[in-house]
Amino acid sequence: MIAPLSAATAADQTNPYKLMDEAAQKTFDRLKNEQPQIRANPDYLRTIVDQELLPYVQVKYAGALVLGQYYKSATPAHVKPTLPLSVST
């Protein structure tokens, strides 16, 4: 029974729409269930996003989309403040 479960999980990861749907649902569930922590510390939202959504985001690509036509001509000094978008260290 473990093997089919693993195979199903691997299959889900090949479908980006399903993968993002599951990540979003897990994030929304945490936002709903962890309201006391969020109210006590609004920065906790950043933690949830970092843990649940950021692993699925290509930060460099997203930054390039934000900078648009200026990305190719931007120096590393220009790009660094925009990237990473929300990664906590």
Protein backbone atom coordinates (compact mmCIF):
# COMPACT_ATOMS: atom_id res chain seq x y z
CA MET A 1 0.00 0.00 0.00
CA ILE A 2 2.92 2.36 0.53
CA ALA A 3 4.20 2.03 -3.05
CA PRO A 4 0.94 3.16 -4.70
CA LEU A 5 0.77 6.12 -2.35
CA SER A 6 4.30 7.12 -3.29
CA ALA A 7 3.51 6.69 -6.96
CA ALA A 8 0.41 8.85 -6.61
CA THR A 9 2.43 11.55 -4.89
CA ALA A 10 5.03 11.47 -7.66
CA ALA A 11 2.28 11.66 -10.29
CA ASP A 12 0.77 14.71 -8.59
CA GLN A 13 4.12 16.48 -8.83
CA THR A 14 4.09 16.12 -12.61
CA ASN A 15 0.90 18.18 -12.85
CA PRO A 16 1.80 21.80 -12.02
CA TYR A 17 -1.85 22.88 -11.76
CA LYS A 18 -2.66 20.19 -9.21
CA LEU A 19 0.57 20.87 -7.35
CA MET A 20 -0.20 24.60 -7.03
CA ASP A 21 -3.82 23.86 -6.13
CA GLU A 22 -2.66 21.60 -3.30
CA ALA A 23 -0.07 24.14 -2.13
CA ALA A 24 -2.65 26.93 -2.16
CA GLN A 25 -5.20 24.80 -0.30
CA LYS A 26 -2.65 23.90 2.36
CA THR A 27 -1.75 27.59 2.69
CA PHE A 28 -5.39 28.65 3.03
CA ASP A 29 -5.97 25.92 5.60
CA ARG A 30 -3.04 27.18 7.65
CA LEU A 31 -4.25 30.79 7.36
CA LYS A 32 -7.65 29.69 8.66
CA ASN A 33 -6.37 27.41 11.42
CA GLU A 34 -3.55 29.61 12.68
CA GLN A 35 -5.47 32.86 13.14
CA PRO A 36 -4.46 33.27 16.81
CA GLN A 37 -0.76 33.24 15.88
CA ILE A 38 -1.39 35.59 12.94
CA ARG A 39 -3.33 38.06 15.09
CA ALA A 40 -0.61 37.98 17.74
CA ASN A 41 2.16 38.42 15.19
CA PRO A 42 1.20 39.56 11.66
CA ASP A 43 4.74 38.75 10.48
CA TYR A 44 3.79 35.11 11.00
CA LEU A 45 2.03 35.37 7.62
CA ARG A 46 5.46 35.67 6.04
CA THR A 47 6.49 32.43 7.74
CA ILE A 48 3.46 30.61 6.34
CA VAL A 49 4.11 31.89 2.82
CA ASP A 50 7.81 31.04 3.07
CA GLN A 51 7.01 27.50 4.20
CA GLU A 52 4.03 26.70 1.99
CA LEU A 53 4.29 28.68 -1.26
CA LEU A 54 7.87 29.81 -1.76
CA PRO A 55 9.25 26.29 -2.34
CA TYR A 56 7.14 26.21 -5.52
CA VAL A 57 8.14 29.64 -6.84
CA GLN A 58 11.11 30.23 -9.12
CA VAL A 59 12.19 33.44 -7.44
CA LYS A 60 14.68 34.52 -10.11
CA TYR A 61 12.10 34.05 -12.86
CA ALA A 62 9.43 35.91 -10.88
CA GLY A 63 11.89 38.77 -10.33
CA ALA A 64 12.63 38.88 -14.05
CA LEU A 65 8.90 39.16 -14.74
CA VAL A 66 8.61 42.03 -12.26
CA LEU A 67 11.53 43.91 -13.82
CA GLY A 68 10.26 43.20 -17.32
CA GLN A 69 12.30 44.71 -20.14
CA TYR A 70 14.75 46.18 -17.64
CA TYR A 71 15.89 42.77 -16.37
CA LYS A 72 18.40 42.18 -19.18
CA SER A 73 20.07 45.55 -18.72
CA ALA A 74 19.92 45.56 -14.92
CA THR A 75 23.16 45.24 -13.01
CA PRO A 76 23.47 42.81 -10.09
CA ALA A 77 23.18 45.84 -7.78
CA HIS A 78 19.79 46.65 -9.33
CA VAL A 79 18.52 43.08 -9.25
CA LYS A 80 19.61 42.15 -5.73
CA PRO A 81 17.10 44.43 -3.89
CA THR A 82 14.23 42.83 -5.82
CA LEU A 83 15.39 39.25 -5.23
CA PRO A 84 14.60 37.24 -3.26
CA LEU A 85 11.04 38.44 -2.96
CA SER A 86 10.17 37.03 0.45
CA VAL A 87 12.79 34.50 1.44
CA SER A 88 13.60 34.58 5.12
CA THR A 89 17.11 33.75 6.20
